[in-house]
């Protein structure tokens, strides 16, 4: 189903996940983050220390392509 979520990446660093989320969203990809710490409200629940990035299945290949190209840092 094209509206199903598909795991794209997972990170140990929440900030890195947020940067990738921003990159994808700026390219029109809807992104969903998942972590075990109630998104910072209950850090003691952080059992797995991972942040997972999910995208819609229909956007999965486009998201992989965007990430493979990376991005240039503006100076």
N, C-alpha and C. Protein backbone atom coordinates (compact mmCIF):
# COMPACT_ATOMS: atom_id res chain seq x y z
N UNK A 1 0.84 -1.19 0.00
CA UNK A 1 0.00 0.00 0.00
C UNK A 1 0.88 1.25 0.00
N UNK A 2 0.50 2.23 -0.77
CA UNK A 2 1.34 3.42 -0.87
C UNK A 2 1.25 4.31 0.35
N UNK A 3 0.23 4.14 1.20
CA UNK A 3 0.11 4.95 2.41
C UNK A 3 0.69 4.26 3.64
N UNK A 4 1.28 3.07 3.45
CA UNK A 4 1.95 2.39 4.55
C UNK A 4 3.29 3.08 4.81
N UNK A 5 3.74 3.01 6.06
CA UNK A 5 5.04 3.57 6.41
C UNK A 5 6.12 2.53 6.20
N UNK A 6 7.29 3.01 5.79
CA UNK A 6 8.44 2.13 5.57
C UNK A 6 9.65 2.74 6.27
N UNK A 7 10.37 1.91 7.01
CA UNK A 7 11.57 2.37 7.70
C UNK A 7 12.63 2.76 6.68
N UNK A 8 13.10 3.98 6.79
CA UNK A 8 14.13 4.48 5.88
C UNK A 8 15.51 4.36 6.53
N UNK A 9 15.64 4.89 7.74
CA UNK A 9 16.92 4.91 8.46
C UNK A 9 16.67 4.87 9.95
N UNK A 10 17.70 4.52 10.70
CA UNK A 10 17.65 4.75 12.14
C UNK A 10 18.99 5.28 12.60
N UNK A 11 18.94 6.08 13.65
CA UNK A 11 20.11 6.81 14.14
C UNK A 11 20.24 6.63 15.64
N UNK A 12 21.47 6.74 16.11
CA UNK A 12 21.70 6.83 17.54
C UNK A 12 21.61 8.28 18.00
N UNK A 13 21.87 9.20 17.10
CA UNK A 13 21.90 10.63 17.41
C UNK A 13 20.60 11.30 16.95
N UNK A 14 19.83 11.78 17.90
CA UNK A 14 18.55 12.40 17.57
C UNK A 14 18.72 13.64 16.70
N UNK A 15 19.78 14.42 16.95
CA UNK A 15 19.99 15.63 16.16
C UNK A 15 20.25 15.29 14.70
N UNK A 16 21.01 14.24 14.45
CA UNK A 16 21.27 13.82 13.07
C UNK A 16 19.96 13.41 12.39
N UNK A 17 19.10 12.72 13.12
CA UNK A 17 17.81 12.32 12.57
C UNK A 17 16.96 13.54 12.22
N UNK A 18 17.01 14.56 13.05
CA UNK A 18 16.23 15.78 12.81
C UNK A 18 16.77 16.52 11.58
N UNK A 19 18.08 16.50 11.39
CA UNK A 19 18.67 17.14 10.21
C UNK A 19 18.22 16.42 8.94
N UNK A 20 18.26 15.09 8.96
CA UNK A 20 17.81 14.32 7.80
C UNK A 20 16.32 14.54 7.56
N UNK A 21 15.55 14.60 8.64
CA UNK A 21 14.11 14.87 8.52
C UNK A 21 13.88 16.21 7.82
N UNK A 22 14.63 17.22 8.21
CA UNK A 22 14.49 18.55 7.60
C UNK A 22 14.86 18.51 6.12
N UNK A 23 15.92 17.80 5.79
CA UNK A 23 16.34 17.69 4.39
C UNK A 23 15.24 17.04 3.55
N UNK A 24 14.68 15.96 4.04
CA UNK A 24 13.63 15.27 3.30
C UNK A 24 12.37 16.13 3.18
N UNK A 25 11.97 16.75 4.28
CA UNK A 25 10.77 17.58 4.25
C UNK A 25 10.93 18.78 3.33
N UNK A 26 12.14 19.32 3.24
CA UNK A 26 12.36 20.45 2.33
C UNK A 26 12.26 20.02 0.87
N UNK A 27 12.29 18.72 0.64
CA UNK A 27 12.13 18.17 -0.70
C UNK A 27 10.75 17.55 -0.89
N UNK A 28 9.83 17.87 0.00
CA UNK A 28 8.44 17.46 -0.16
C UNK A 28 8.11 16.05 0.32
N UNK A 29 9.00 15.44 1.10
CA UNK A 29 8.77 14.09 1.62
C UNK A 29 8.23 14.20 3.04
N UNK A 30 7.10 13.56 3.28
CA UNK A 30 6.54 13.54 4.63
C UNK A 30 7.31 12.52 5.46
N UNK A 31 7.77 12.94 6.65
CA UNK A 31 8.65 12.12 7.48
C UNK A 31 8.03 11.93 8.85
N UNK A 32 8.20 10.73 9.39
CA UNK A 32 7.71 10.40 10.73
C UNK A 32 8.88 9.88 11.54
N UNK A 33 9.10 10.46 12.73
CA UNK A 33 10.17 10.02 13.62
C UNK A 33 9.58 9.14 14.72
N UNK A 34 10.36 8.17 15.14
CA UNK A 34 9.95 7.30 16.23
C UNK A 34 11.13 7.09 17.16
N UNK A 35 10.90 7.27 18.46
CA UNK A 35 11.94 6.98 19.45
C UNK A 35 11.27 6.48 20.72
N UNK A 36 12.07 5.89 21.60
CA UNK A 36 11.52 5.30 22.81
C UNK A 36 11.44 6.27 23.99
N UNK A 37 11.77 7.53 23.79
CA UNK A 37 11.82 8.44 24.94
C UNK A 37 10.65 9.41 24.99
N UNK A 38 9.56 9.07 24.33
CA UNK A 38 8.38 9.94 24.29
C UNK A 38 8.77 11.32 23.77
N UNK A 39 9.65 11.32 22.77
CA UNK A 39 10.17 12.51 22.11
C UNK A 39 10.70 13.55 23.09
N UNK A 40 11.48 13.07 24.04
CA UNK A 40 12.15 13.96 24.97
C UNK A 40 11.41 14.24 26.25
N UNK A 41 10.14 13.89 26.32
CA UNK A 41 9.37 14.15 27.54
C UNK A 41 9.76 13.22 28.68
N UNK A 42 10.16 12.01 28.34
CA UNK A 42 10.54 11.03 29.35
C UNK A 42 11.84 10.34 28.93
N UNK A 43 12.97 11.04 29.08
CA UNK A 43 14.24 10.46 28.65
C UNK A 43 14.57 9.14 29.33
N UNK A 44 14.01 8.91 30.50
CA UNK A 44 14.28 7.65 31.19
C UNK A 44 13.69 6.46 30.45
N UNK A 45 12.77 6.70 29.52
CA UNK A 45 12.19 5.63 28.73
C UNK A 45 13.04 5.26 27.53
N UNK A 46 14.14 5.94 27.36
CA UNK A 46 15.00 5.73 26.20
C UNK A 46 15.69 4.37 26.30
N UNK A 47 14.95 3.33 25.97
CA UNK A 47 15.43 1.97 26.14
C UNK A 47 16.37 1.54 25.02
N UNK A 48 16.12 2.02 23.84
CA UNK A 48 16.84 1.53 22.69
C UNK A 48 17.89 2.53 22.19
N UNK A 49 17.79 3.77 22.58
CA UNK A 49 18.72 4.82 22.15
C UNK A 49 18.75 5.01 20.65
N UNK A 50 17.65 4.81 19.98
CA UNK A 50 17.58 4.93 18.53
C UNK A 50 16.44 5.87 18.17
N UNK A 51 16.63 6.56 17.06
CA UNK A 51 15.56 7.36 16.46
C UNK A 51 15.37 6.80 15.05
N UNK A 52 14.16 6.40 14.74
CA UNK A 52 13.88 5.80 13.44
C UNK A 52 13.13 6.80 12.58
N UNK A 53 13.50 6.82 11.30
CA UNK A 53 12.84 7.68 10.33
C UNK A 53 12.02 6.79 9.40
N UNK A 54 10.72 7.09 9.35
CA UNK A 54 9.81 6.39 8.45
C UNK A 54 9.30 7.38 7.40
N UNK A 55 9.07 6.87 6.20
CA UNK A 55 8.44 7.65 5.13
C UNK A 55 7.31 6.81 4.55
N UNK A 56 6.44 7.47 3.81
CA UNK A 56 5.39 6.72 3.13
C UNK A 56 6.05 5.80 2.10
N UNK A 57 5.48 4.63 1.93
CA UNK A 57 6.06 3.66 1.00
C UNK A 57 6.20 4.24 -0.40
N UNK A 58 5.24 5.07 -0.82
CA UNK A 58 5.30 5.66 -2.16
C UNK A 58 6.46 6.64 -2.31
N UNK A 59 6.98 7.17 -1.20
CA UNK A 59 8.08 8.14 -1.23
C UNK A 59 9.43 7.51 -0.93
N UNK A 60 9.46 6.22 -0.63
CA UNK A 60 10.67 5.57 -0.15
C UNK A 60 11.84 5.70 -1.14
N UNK A 61 11.63 5.36 -2.39
CA UNK A 61 12.72 5.40 -3.37
C UNK A 61 13.21 6.82 -3.62
N UNK A 62 12.29 7.77 -3.65
CA UNK A 62 12.67 9.17 -3.84
C UNK A 62 13.50 9.65 -2.65
N UNK A 63 13.09 9.27 -1.44
CA UNK A 63 13.83 9.66 -0.24
C UNK A 63 15.24 9.08 -0.26
N UNK A 64 15.38 7.82 -0.65
CA UNK A 64 16.70 7.20 -0.75
C UNK A 64 17.57 7.94 -1.76
N UNK A 65 16.97 8.35 -2.87
CA UNK A 65 17.72 9.08 -3.90
C UNK A 65 18.19 10.44 -3.38
N UNK A 66 17.31 11.14 -2.67
CA UNK A 66 17.67 12.44 -2.10
C UNK A 66 18.85 12.28 -1.14
N UNK A 67 18.78 11.27 -0.29
CA UNK A 67 19.85 11.06 0.69
C UNK A 67 21.15 10.59 0.03
N UNK A 68 21.04 9.88 -1.08
CA UNK A 68 22.26 9.43 -1.76
C UNK A 68 23.02 10.59 -2.39
N UNK A 69 22.28 11.63 -2.76
CA UNK A 69 22.91 12.81 -3.34
C UNK A 69 23.53 13.69 -2.27
N UNK A 70 23.04 13.56 -1.04
CA UNK A 70 23.54 14.38 0.04
C UNK A 70 23.12 15.82 -0.13
N UNK A 71 23.84 16.70 0.49
CA UNK A 71 23.55 18.12 0.34
C UNK A 71 24.84 18.89 0.53
N UNK A 72 24.88 20.08 -0.07
CA UNK A 72 26.06 20.92 0.06
C UNK A 72 25.87 21.91 1.17
N UNK A 73 26.85 22.02 1.98
CA UNK A 73 26.81 22.99 3.08
C UNK A 73 27.06 24.38 2.53
N UNK A 74 26.13 25.29 2.83
CA UNK A 74 26.32 26.68 2.39
C UNK A 74 27.33 27.37 3.29
N UNK A 75 28.16 28.18 2.67
CA UNK A 75 29.17 28.91 3.46
C UNK A 75 28.83 30.36 3.56
